[in-house]
Amino acid sequence: MKTTGIILAGGESSRMNFIDKGLIEISGKPCVFHVIEALKPTVDSIIIISNNTDYEQFGYDVYPDYYLKKGPMGGIFSGLSRSTTETNLFVACDMPMLSSEVFSKILKQSDSAEVIVPIINNRYQPLCAIYKKSILNKVNQSILADKLKLRFLIDESDSLLLDDSLFNEELFFNVNTPKELEHIKLSAS
């Protein structure tokens, strides 16, 4: 089954003093580059959802959000709208520790549900998850109703929650603050 990897790079990066998180260098490469490298072996195509045209430098199609200021829910809608496949693996641009192995474990379950989300220490990881194109209308209705929490979408969909025993928590670390950036730089060196 063909799969599109969709990188969400539309955040406002407010806790990073408005520096675009996906473009911050980690180990000499932009954060999003690490995500792209891990995705490439596991998906058939990659697109990036961002209102920042700087992401075009990576050689993939970059699409802006249809709905502005709707957070990850808006990014998921934009990604599903642009995707040409039923199965879509969404990943945030600020999770540089993720690996092809993690993506493969998630994709092995792709026939199981509309939404497939890892859980680490009882915390959902909705920005490293599968969302099927068949839920596009449900996502749109959530946005129109201003129900923007991904947990709502997960709970209202045919979802599979992947047990945290499959994953190492550190791999899901994301960079939201300058302190977290320093942590990830130390981990990577």
N, C-alpha and C. Protein backbone atom coordinates (compact mmCIF):
# COMPACT_ATOMS: atom_id res chain seq x y z
N MET A 1 0.84 -1.19 0.00
CA MET A 1 0.00 0.00 0.00
C MET A 1 0.89 1.25 0.00
N LYS A 2 0.63 2.16 -0.92
CA LYS A 2 1.43 3.38 -1.01
C LYS A 2 1.16 4.29 0.18
N THR A 3 2.21 4.95 0.63
CA THR A 3 2.13 5.83 1.79
C THR A 3 2.82 7.15 1.49
N THR A 4 2.19 8.23 1.92
CA THR A 4 2.80 9.55 1.83
C THR A 4 3.30 9.95 3.21
N GLY A 5 4.53 10.40 3.27
CA GLY A 5 5.07 10.99 4.49
C GLY A 5 4.77 12.48 4.46
N ILE A 6 4.13 12.97 5.49
CA ILE A 6 3.73 14.38 5.52
C ILE A 6 4.38 15.04 6.73
N ILE A 7 5.25 15.99 6.45
CA ILE A 7 5.97 16.69 7.52
C ILE A 7 5.22 17.98 7.84
N LEU A 8 4.86 18.13 9.10
CA LEU A 8 4.17 19.33 9.54
C LEU A 8 5.21 20.33 10.03
N ALA A 9 5.31 21.44 9.32
CA ALA A 9 6.30 22.48 9.65
C ALA A 9 5.62 23.85 9.70
N GLY A 10 4.42 23.85 10.23
CA GLY A 10 3.66 25.09 10.22
C GLY A 10 3.53 25.78 11.55
N GLY A 11 4.21 25.28 12.56
CA GLY A 11 4.08 25.88 13.89
C GLY A 11 4.63 27.30 13.94
N GLU A 12 4.17 28.05 14.92
CA GLU A 12 4.61 29.44 15.05
C GLU A 12 5.95 29.56 15.77
N SER A 13 6.42 28.48 16.40
CA SER A 13 7.72 28.48 17.09
C SER A 13 7.81 29.59 18.14
N SER A 14 6.72 29.91 18.79
CA SER A 14 6.70 31.02 19.74
C SER A 14 7.63 30.80 20.92
N ARG A 15 7.79 29.56 21.36
CA ARG A 15 8.68 29.29 22.49
C ARG A 15 10.15 29.26 22.08
N MET A 16 10.41 29.29 20.77
CA MET A 16 11.79 29.34 20.28
C MET A 16 12.12 30.75 19.82
N ASN A 17 11.43 31.73 20.37
CA ASN A 17 11.64 33.13 19.98
C ASN A 17 11.43 33.33 18.48
N PHE A 18 10.47 32.59 17.92
CA PHE A 18 10.03 32.71 16.55
C PHE A 18 11.07 32.29 15.51
N ILE A 19 12.06 31.53 15.93
CA ILE A 19 12.98 30.90 14.98
C ILE A 19 12.28 29.62 14.53
N ASP A 20 12.21 29.39 13.23
CA ASP A 20 11.52 28.22 12.72
C ASP A 20 12.22 26.95 13.20
N LYS A 21 11.53 26.17 14.03
CA LYS A 21 12.13 24.99 14.67
C LYS A 21 12.69 24.00 13.66
N GLY A 22 12.00 23.80 12.58
CA GLY A 22 12.45 22.82 11.60
C GLY A 22 13.74 23.19 10.90
N LEU A 23 14.10 24.46 10.93
CA LEU A 23 15.30 24.93 10.24
C LEU A 23 16.49 25.13 11.18
N ILE A 24 16.29 24.91 12.47
CA ILE A 24 17.39 25.01 13.43
C ILE A 24 18.36 23.87 13.19
N GLU A 25 19.65 24.18 13.22
CA GLU A 25 20.66 23.15 12.96
C GLU A 25 20.91 22.27 14.18
N ILE A 26 20.91 20.97 13.91
CA ILE A 26 21.27 19.95 14.90
C ILE A 26 22.26 19.03 14.21
N SER A 27 23.42 18.87 14.78
CA SER A 27 24.49 18.07 14.18
C SER A 27 24.82 18.55 12.76
N GLY A 28 24.79 19.86 12.57
CA GLY A 28 25.18 20.45 11.30
C GLY A 28 24.14 20.42 10.20
N LYS A 29 22.94 19.95 10.51
CA LYS A 29 21.87 19.89 9.49
C LYS A 29 20.58 20.41 10.10
N PRO A 30 19.70 20.99 9.27
CA PRO A 30 18.41 21.45 9.80
C PRO A 30 17.63 20.31 10.44
N CYS A 31 16.91 20.62 11.48
CA CYS A 31 16.13 19.63 12.22
C CYS A 31 15.25 18.80 11.27
N VAL A 32 14.57 19.47 10.35
CA VAL A 32 13.67 18.77 9.43
C VAL A 32 14.43 17.79 8.53
N PHE A 33 15.69 18.07 8.26
CA PHE A 33 16.49 17.17 7.42
C PHE A 33 16.59 15.79 8.07
N HIS A 34 16.74 15.76 9.39
CA HIS A 34 16.82 14.48 10.11
C HIS A 34 15.51 13.69 9.96
N VAL A 35 14.39 14.42 10.00
CA VAL A 35 13.07 13.79 9.83
C VAL A 35 12.95 13.24 8.40
N ILE A 36 13.35 14.03 7.43
CA ILE A 36 13.29 13.60 6.02
C ILE A 36 14.12 12.33 5.81
N GLU A 37 15.34 12.32 6.33
CA GLU A 37 16.23 11.17 6.15
C GLU A 37 15.64 9.89 6.75
N ALA A 38 14.95 10.03 7.88
CA ALA A 38 14.33 8.85 8.51
C ALA A 38 13.08 8.41 7.75
N LEU A 39 12.36 9.36 7.18
CA LEU A 39 11.13 9.03 6.44
C LEU A 39 11.41 8.37 5.08
N LYS A 40 12.42 8.85 4.38
CA LYS A 40 12.67 8.42 2.99
C LYS A 40 12.61 6.92 2.77
N PRO A 41 13.24 6.10 3.61
CA PRO A 41 13.21 4.66 3.34
C PRO A 41 11.86 3.99 3.60
N THR A 42 10.93 4.69 4.23
CA THR A 42 9.70 4.03 4.68
C THR A 42 8.44 4.46 3.94
N VAL A 43 8.52 5.54 3.15
CA VAL A 43 7.33 6.04 2.46
C VAL A 43 7.59 6.15 0.96
N ASP A 44 6.52 6.29 0.19
CA ASP A 44 6.64 6.39 -1.27
C ASP A 44 6.88 7.81 -1.74
N SER A 45 6.39 8.77 -0.98
CA SER A 45 6.59 10.18 -1.33
C SER A 45 6.53 11.01 -0.05
N ILE A 46 7.06 12.22 -0.14
CA ILE A 46 7.08 13.14 1.00
C ILE A 46 6.56 14.50 0.54
N ILE A 47 5.72 15.10 1.38
CA ILE A 47 5.32 16.49 1.18
C ILE A 47 5.50 17.22 2.51
N ILE A 48 5.63 18.52 2.42
CA ILE A 48 5.81 19.34 3.61
C ILE A 48 4.68 20.36 3.67
N ILE A 49 4.06 20.47 4.83
CA ILE A 49 3.01 21.46 5.04
C ILE A 49 3.63 22.61 5.83
N SER A 50 3.76 23.76 5.18
CA SER A 50 4.36 24.93 5.82
C SER A 50 3.98 26.17 5.03
N ASN A 51 3.86 27.27 5.75
CA ASN A 51 3.65 28.56 5.10
C ASN A 51 4.98 29.25 4.83
N ASN A 52 6.08 28.57 5.15
CA ASN A 52 7.43 29.10 4.98
C ASN A 52 8.05 28.46 3.74
N THR A 53 8.28 29.26 2.71
CA THR A 53 8.83 28.73 1.46
C THR A 53 10.29 28.30 1.59
N ASP A 54 10.94 28.60 2.71
CA ASP A 54 12.32 28.13 2.92
C ASP A 54 12.42 26.61 2.89
N TYR A 55 11.30 25.92 3.14
CA TYR A 55 11.32 24.46 3.13
C TYR A 55 11.46 23.89 1.72
N GLU A 56 11.29 24.72 0.69
CA GLU A 56 11.44 24.24 -0.68
C GLU A 56 12.87 23.79 -0.98
N GLN A 57 13.84 24.26 -0.17
CA GLN A 57 15.25 23.92 -0.39
C GLN A 57 15.52 22.41 -0.28
N PHE A 58 14.60 21.66 0.32
CA PHE A 58 14.82 20.24 0.52
C PHE A 58 14.36 19.39 -0.66
N GLY A 59 13.75 20.03 -1.66
CA GLY A 59 13.39 19.33 -2.89
C GLY A 59 12.05 18.61 -2.89
N TYR A 60 11.22 18.88 -1.91
CA TYR A 60 9.89 18.27 -1.84
C TYR A 60 8.83 19.35 -2.00
N ASP A 61 7.64 18.93 -2.43
CA ASP A 61 6.55 19.89 -2.56
C ASP A 61 6.20 20.45 -1.19
N VAL A 62 6.06 21.76 -1.12
CA VAL A 62 5.68 22.45 0.11
C VAL A 62 4.34 23.12 -0.14
N TYR A 63 3.38 22.81 0.73
CA TYR A 63 2.04 23.36 0.59
C TYR A 63 1.68 24.17 1.83
N PRO A 64 1.03 25.32 1.64
CA PRO A 64 0.60 26.12 2.79
C PRO A 64 -0.66 25.54 3.42
N ASP A 65 -0.93 25.99 4.63
CA ASP A 65 -2.16 25.59 5.31
C ASP A 65 -3.38 26.17 4.60
N TYR A 66 -4.44 25.37 4.51
CA TYR A 66 -5.72 25.87 4.03
C TYR A 66 -6.35 26.78 5.08
N TYR A 67 -6.27 26.32 6.32
CA TYR A 67 -6.81 27.08 7.44
C TYR A 67 -5.64 27.62 8.25
N LEU A 68 -5.60 28.92 8.47
CA LEU A 68 -4.54 29.51 9.26
C LEU A 68 -4.89 29.48 10.74
N LYS A 69 -3.86 29.34 11.57
CA LYS A 69 -3.99 29.38 13.03
C LYS A 69 -4.94 28.31 13.58
N LYS A 70 -4.88 27.13 12.98
CA LYS A 70 -5.67 26.00 13.47
C LYS A 70 -4.78 24.88 13.99
N GLY A 71 -3.50 25.19 14.21
CA GLY A 71 -2.58 24.24 14.83
C GLY A 71 -2.40 22.97 14.01
N PRO A 72 -1.99 21.90 14.69
CA PRO A 72 -1.76 20.63 14.00
C PRO A 72 -3.01 20.09 13.28
N MET A 73 -4.19 20.37 13.81
CA MET A 73 -5.41 19.91 13.13
C MET A 73 -5.49 20.53 11.73
N GLY A 74 -5.15 21.81 11.63
CA GLY A 74 -5.13 22.46 10.32
C GLY A 74 -4.07 21.86 9.41
N GLY A 75 -2.91 21.51 9.98
CA GLY A 75 -1.86 20.88 9.19
C GLY A 75 -2.26 19.50 8.69
N ILE A 76 -2.95 18.76 9.53
CA ILE A 76 -3.43 17.43 9.11
C ILE A 76 -4.46 17.57 7.99
N PHE A 77 -5.36 18.54 8.11
CA PHE A 77 -6.32 18.77 7.03
C PHE A 77 -5.59 19.11 5.73
N SER A 78 -4.63 20.02 5.80
CA SER A 78 -3.90 20.43 4.60
C SER A 78 -3.14 19.25 4.00
N GLY A 79 -2.51 18.44 4.86
CA GLY A 79 -1.77 17.28 4.37
C GLY A 79 -2.67 16.24 3.71
N LEU A 80 -3.78 15.92 4.37
CA LEU A 80 -4.72 14.95 3.79
C LEU A 80 -5.30 15.48 2.48
N SER A 81 -5.55 16.77 2.41
CA SER A 81 -6.10 17.37 1.19
C SER A 81 -5.13 17.25 0.02
N ARG A 82 -3.84 17.37 0.30
CA ARG A 82 -2.81 17.33 -0.75
C ARG A 82 -2.34 15.92 -1.09
N SER A 83 -2.51 15.00 -0.19
CA SER A 83 -2.02 13.64 -0.39
C SER A 83 -2.82 12.92 -1.47
N THR A 84 -2.12 12.04 -2.18
CA THR A 84 -2.79 11.22 -3.20
C THR A 84 -2.91 9.77 -2.74
N THR A 85 -2.56 9.50 -1.47
CA THR A 85 -2.64 8.14 -0.95
C THR A 85 -3.61 8.07 0.22
N GLU A 86 -4.15 6.90 0.46
CA GLU A 86 -5.04 6.69 1.60
C GLU A 86 -4.26 6.70 2.91
N THR A 87 -3.07 6.09 2.91
CA THR A 87 -2.27 6.01 4.12
C THR A 87 -1.26 7.16 4.15
N ASN A 88 -1.25 7.87 5.27
CA ASN A 88 -0.40 9.04 5.41
C ASN A 88 0.26 9.03 6.79
N LEU A 89 1.57 9.08 6.78
CA LEU A 89 2.34 9.12 8.02
C LEU A 89 2.74 10.56 8.28
N PHE A 90 2.12 11.15 9.30
CA PHE A 90 2.40 12.54 9.66
C PHE A 90 3.50 12.59 10.71
N VAL A 91 4.41 13.55 10.54
CA VAL A 91 5.51 13.73 11.49
C VAL A 91 5.77 15.22 11.65
N ALA A 92 5.96 15.65 12.88
CA ALA A 92 6.33 17.03 13.15
C ALA A 92 7.77 17.26 12.72
N CYS A 93 8.07 18.48 12.27
CA CYS A 93 9.41 18.81 11.78
C CYS A 93 10.43 18.91 12.90
N ASP A 94 9.97 18.92 14.15
CA ASP A 94 10.87 19.17 15.28
C ASP A 94 11.14 17.92 16.12
N MET A 95 11.10 16.76 15.48
CA MET A 95 11.36 15.49 16.16
C MET A 95 12.55 14.78 15.51
N PRO A 96 13.76 15.32 15.66
CA PRO A 96 14.92 14.83 14.91
C PRO A 96 15.45 13.47 15.34
N MET A 97 14.99 12.94 16.46
CA MET A 97 15.51 11.67 16.95
C MET A 97 14.75 10.47 16.39
N LEU A 98 13.63 10.72 15.72
CA LEU A 98 12.85 9.61 15.16
C LEU A 98 13.67 8.87 14.11
N SER A 99 13.38 7.59 13.97
CA SER A 99 14.15 6.75 13.05
C SER A 99 13.24 6.02 12.07
N SER A 100 13.84 5.51 11.01
CA SER A 100 13.10 4.69 10.05
C SER A 100 12.48 3.49 10.75
N GLU A 101 13.15 2.96 11.75
CA GLU A 101 12.64 1.81 12.50
C GLU A 101 11.32 2.15 13.19
N VAL A 102 11.25 3.33 13.80
CA VAL A 102 10.00 3.76 14.45
C VAL A 102 8.89 3.86 13.41
N PHE A 103 9.20 4.51 12.28
CA PHE A 103 8.19 4.67 11.24
C PHE A 103 7.73 3.31 10.71
N SER A 104 8.65 2.38 10.54
CA SER A 104 8.30 1.03 10.06
C SER A 104 7.37 0.32 11.03
N LYS A 105 7.62 0.45 12.33
CA LYS A 105 6.75 -0.18 13.33
C LYS A 105 5.34 0.38 13.26
N ILE A 106 5.23 1.69 13.07
CA ILE A 106 3.91 2.31 12.96
C ILE A 106 3.23 1.85 11.66
N LEU A 107 3.97 1.86 10.57
CA LEU A 107 3.39 1.50 9.27
C LEU A 107 2.97 0.03 9.19
N LYS A 108 3.60 -0.84 9.97
CA LYS A 108 3.19 -2.25 9.99
C LYS A 108 1.74 -2.40 10.42
N GLN A 109 1.23 -1.42 11.13
CA GLN A 109 -0.15 -1.46 11.62
C GLN A 109 -1.11 -0.69 10.72
N SER A 110 -0.65 -0.24 9.56
CA SER A 110 -1.43 0.71 8.75
C SER A 110 -2.78 0.19 8.27
N ASP A 111 -2.98 -1.11 8.23
CA ASP A 111 -4.28 -1.65 7.82
C ASP A 111 -5.26 -1.77 8.99
N SER A 112 -4.82 -1.44 10.19
CA SER A 112 -5.60 -1.72 11.39
C SER A 112 -6.67 -0.70 11.74
N ALA A 113 -6.52 0.55 11.30
CA ALA A 113 -7.46 1.59 11.74
C ALA A 113 -7.30 2.84 10.88
N GLU A 114 -8.21 3.81 11.09
CA GLU A 114 -8.14 5.10 10.38
C GLU A 114 -7.01 5.97 10.93
N VAL A 115 -6.80 5.86 12.24
CA VAL A 115 -5.78 6.65 12.91
C VAL A 115 -4.96 5.69 13.76
N ILE A 116 -3.63 5.78 13.65
CA ILE A 116 -2.75 4.90 14.42
C ILE A 116 -1.74 5.78 15.13
N VAL A 117 -1.78 5.74 16.46
CA VAL A 117 -1.00 6.66 17.28
C VAL A 117 -0.19 5.91 18.34
N PRO A 118 1.12 6.16 18.39
CA PRO A 118 1.91 5.60 19.49
C PRO A 118 1.56 6.29 20.82
N ILE A 119 1.69 5.54 21.90
CA ILE A 119 1.53 6.11 23.24
C ILE A 119 2.81 5.82 24.01
N ILE A 120 3.38 6.86 24.58
CA ILE A 120 4.60 6.73 25.38
C ILE A 120 4.30 7.26 26.78
N ASN A 121 4.45 6.42 27.79
CA ASN A 121 4.16 6.82 29.18
C ASN A 121 2.79 7.48 29.31
N ASN A 122 1.80 6.85 28.74
CA ASN A 122 0.41 7.33 28.78
C ASN A 122 0.19 8.66 28.06
N ARG A 123 1.13 9.07 27.23
CA ARG A 123 0.97 10.31 26.46
C ARG A 123 0.88 9.97 24.97
N TYR A 124 -0.18 10.44 24.35
CA TYR A 124 -0.35 10.23 22.91
C TYR A 124 0.77 10.96 22.17
N GLN A 125 1.16 10.40 21.03
CA GLN A 125 2.14 11.03 20.14
C GLN A 125 1.45 11.31 18.80
N PRO A 126 0.49 12.23 18.77
CA PRO A 126 -0.31 12.44 17.57
C PRO A 126 0.43 13.11 16.42
N LEU A 127 1.66 13.58 16.66
CA LEU A 127 2.42 14.20 15.59
C LEU A 127 3.51 13.27 15.05
N CYS A 128 3.30 12.00 15.28
CA CYS A 128 4.07 10.93 14.65
C CYS A 128 3.08 9.78 14.53
N ALA A 129 2.16 9.90 13.60
CA ALA A 129 1.02 8.98 13.55
C ALA A 129 0.49 8.86 12.12
N ILE A 130 -0.27 7.82 11.92
CA ILE A 130 -0.95 7.62 10.64
C ILE A 130 -2.36 8.20 10.73
N TYR A 131 -2.70 8.96 9.70
CA TYR A 131 -4.07 9.46 9.53
C TYR A 131 -4.46 9.10 8.10
N LYS A 132 -5.55 8.36 7.96
CA LYS A 132 -6.01 7.95 6.64
C LYS A 132 -6.77 9.09 5.96
N LYS A 133 -6.68 9.11 4.66
CA LYS A 133 -7.37 10.16 3.89
C LYS A 133 -8.89 10.07 4.10
N SER A 134 -9.39 8.91 4.44
CA SER A 134 -10.83 8.73 4.63
C SER A 134 -11.40 9.58 5.78
N ILE A 135 -10.53 10.13 6.65
CA ILE A 135 -11.05 10.96 7.74
C ILE A 135 -10.99 12.46 7.41
N LEU A 136 -10.68 12.79 6.17
CA LEU A 136 -10.55 14.20 5.77
C LEU A 136 -11.78 15.02 6.16
N ASN A 137 -12.97 14.51 5.88
CA ASN A 137 -14.19 15.25 6.20
C ASN A 137 -14.34 15.42 7.72
N LYS A 138 -13.98 14.38 8.47
CA LYS A 138 -14.05 14.45 9.94
C LYS A 138 -13.11 15.54 10.48
N VAL A 139 -11.92 15.63 9.87
CA VAL A 139 -10.96 16.67 10.28
C VAL A 139 -11.53 18.04 9.95
N ASN A 140 -12.10 18.17 8.77
CA ASN A 140 -12.69 19.45 8.37
C ASN A 140 -13.82 19.85 9.33
N GLN A 141 -14.66 18.90 9.67
CA GLN A 141 -15.76 19.21 10.60
C GLN A 141 -15.23 19.61 11.97
N SER A 142 -14.16 19.00 12.41
CA SER A 142 -13.54 19.37 13.69
C SER A 142 -13.04 20.81 13.65
N ILE A 143 -12.43 21.19 12.54
CA ILE A 143 -11.92 22.56 12.41
C ILE A 143 -13.09 23.54 12.39
N LEU A 144 -14.12 23.24 11.62
CA LEU A 144 -15.27 24.14 11.53
C LEU A 144 -15.97 24.29 12.87
N ALA A 145 -15.93 23.24 13.70
CA ALA A 145 -16.54 23.29 15.04
C ALA A 145 -15.56 23.83 16.08
N ASP A 146 -14.36 24.20 15.63
CA ASP A 146 -13.30 24.71 16.50
C ASP A 146 -12.90 23.70 17.58
N LYS A 147 -12.98 22.42 17.24
CA LYS A 147 -12.49 21.34 18.11
C LYS A 147 -11.12 20.95 17.58
N LEU A 148 -10.09 21.64 18.08
CA LEU A 148 -8.77 21.55 17.48
C LEU A 148 -7.82 20.59 18.19
N LYS A 149 -8.23 20.02 19.30
CA LYS A 149 -7.37 19.08 20.01
C LYS A 149 -7.34 17.75 19.25
N LEU A 150 -6.14 17.28 18.94
CA LEU A 150 -6.02 16.02 18.20
C LEU A 150 -6.56 14.85 18.99
N ARG A 151 -6.53 14.94 20.28
CA ARG A 151 -7.09 13.86 21.12
C ARG A 151 -8.58 13.65 20.80
N PHE A 152 -9.29 14.73 20.55
CA PHE A 152 -10.71 14.63 20.18
C PHE A 152 -10.84 13.84 18.88
N LEU A 153 -10.03 14.18 17.89
CA LEU A 153 -10.08 13.48 16.60
C LEU A 153 -9.75 12.00 16.77
N ILE A 154 -8.74 11.71 17.56
CA ILE A 154 -8.34 10.32 17.80
C ILE A 154 -9.47 9.55 18.48
N ASP A 155 -10.07 10.16 19.48
CA ASP A 155 -11.15 9.50 20.23
C ASP A 155 -12.40 9.30 19.37
N GLU A 156 -12.62 10.19 18.42
CA GLU A 156 -13.82 10.12 17.57
C GLU A 156 -13.62 9.28 16.31
N SER A 157 -12.43 8.76 16.11
CA SER A 157 -12.12 7.98 14.91
C SER A 157 -11.91 6.51 15.27
N ASP A 158 -11.88 5.68 14.24
CA ASP A 158 -11.49 4.28 14.42
C ASP A 158 -9.98 4.29 14.61
N SER A 159 -9.55 4.23 15.87
CA SER A 159 -8.14 4.43 16.19
C SER A 159 -7.50 3.20 16.81
N LEU A 160 -6.21 3.06 16.54
CA LEU A 160 -5.39 2.04 17.18
C LEU A 160 -4.30 2.77 17.94
N LEU A 161 -4.19 2.49 19.23
CA LEU A 161 -3.17 3.09 20.07
C LEU A 161 -2.05 2.07 20.24
N LEU A 162 -0.85 2.43 19.81
CA LEU A 162 0.27 1.51 19.85
C LEU A 162 0.96 1.57 21.20
N ASP A 163 1.12 0.44 21.81
CA ASP A 163 1.71 0.30 23.14
C ASP A 163 3.13 0.84 23.19
N ASP A 164 3.46 1.51 24.28
CA ASP A 164 4.78 2.12 24.40
C ASP A 164 5.92 1.12 24.52
N SER A 165 5.62 -0.14 24.71
CA SER A 165 6.70 -1.13 24.78
C SER A 165 7.40 -1.27 23.43
N LEU A 166 6.77 -0.79 22.35
CA LEU A 166 7.37 -0.86 21.02
C LEU A 166 8.40 0.23 20.78
N PHE A 167 8.42 1.26 21.65
CA PHE A 167 9.20 2.45 21.34
C PHE A 167 10.05 2.92 22.51
N ASN A 168 11.10 3.61 22.19
CA ASN A 168 11.95 4.28 23.16
C ASN A 168 11.48 5.73 23.27
N GLU A 169 11.14 6.16 24.46
CA GLU A 169 10.59 7.50 24.68
C GLU A 169 11.49 8.60 24.13
N GLU A 170 12.79 8.44 24.28
CA GLU A 170 13.73 9.48 23.85
C GLU A 170 13.61 9.80 22.35
N LEU A 171 13.21 8.80 21.56
CA LEU A 171 13.08 9.01 20.12
C LEU A 171 12.00 10.02 19.77
N PHE A 172 11.03 10.19 20.65
CA PHE A 172 9.90 11.09 20.38
C PHE A 172 10.14 12.50 20.92
N PHE A 173 11.34 12.77 21.40
CA PHE A 173 11.66 14.07 21.94
C PHE A 173 11.51 15.13 20.85
N ASN A 174 10.82 16.21 21.18
CA ASN A 174 10.71 17.29 20.20
C ASN A 174 11.27 18.58 20.77
N VAL A 175 11.65 19.46 19.87
CA VAL A 175 12.36 20.69 20.21
C VAL A 175 11.37 21.85 20.20
N ASN A 176 10.98 22.31 21.40
CA ASN A 176 10.04 23.43 21.49
C ASN A 176 10.63 24.68 22.13
N THR A 177 11.69 24.51 22.91
CA THR A 177 12.25 25.63 23.65
C THR A 177 13.77 25.64 23.48
N PRO A 178 14.42 26.77 23.75
CA PRO A 178 15.89 26.79 23.69
C PRO A 178 16.53 25.75 24.61
N LYS A 179 15.93 25.50 25.77
CA LYS A 179 16.46 24.49 26.69
C LYS A 179 16.39 23.09 26.07
N GLU A 180 15.27 22.78 25.42
CA GLU A 180 15.13 21.48 24.75
C GLU A 180 16.11 21.37 23.57
N LEU A 181 16.37 22.49 22.91
CA LEU A 181 17.35 22.48 21.82
C LEU A 181 18.73 22.12 22.36
N GLU A 182 19.11 22.69 23.48
CA GLU A 182 20.41 22.37 24.08
C GLU A 182 20.47 20.89 24.47
N HIS A 183 19.36 20.36 25.01
CA HIS A 183 19.31 18.94 25.38
C HIS A 183 19.54 18.06 24.16
N ILE A 184 18.86 18.38 23.08
CA ILE A 184 18.96 17.53 21.88
C ILE A 184 20.35 17.65 21.26
N LYS A 185 20.93 18.82 21.33
CA LYS A 185 22.30 18.99 20.78
C LYS A 185 23.29 18.17 21.59
N LEU A 186 23.12 18.13 22.90
CA LEU A 186 24.00 17.32 23.74
C LEU A 186 23.79 15.83 23.47
N SER A 187 22.53 15.42 23.27
CA SER A 187 22.23 14.02 22.98
C SER A 187 22.80 13.58 21.65
N ALA A 188 22.79 14.49 20.68
CA ALA A 188 23.24 14.16 19.33
C ALA A 188 24.77 14.12 19.20
N SER A 189 25.46 14.78 20.14
CA SER A 189 26.92 14.86 20.01
C SER A 189 27.62 13.68 20.67
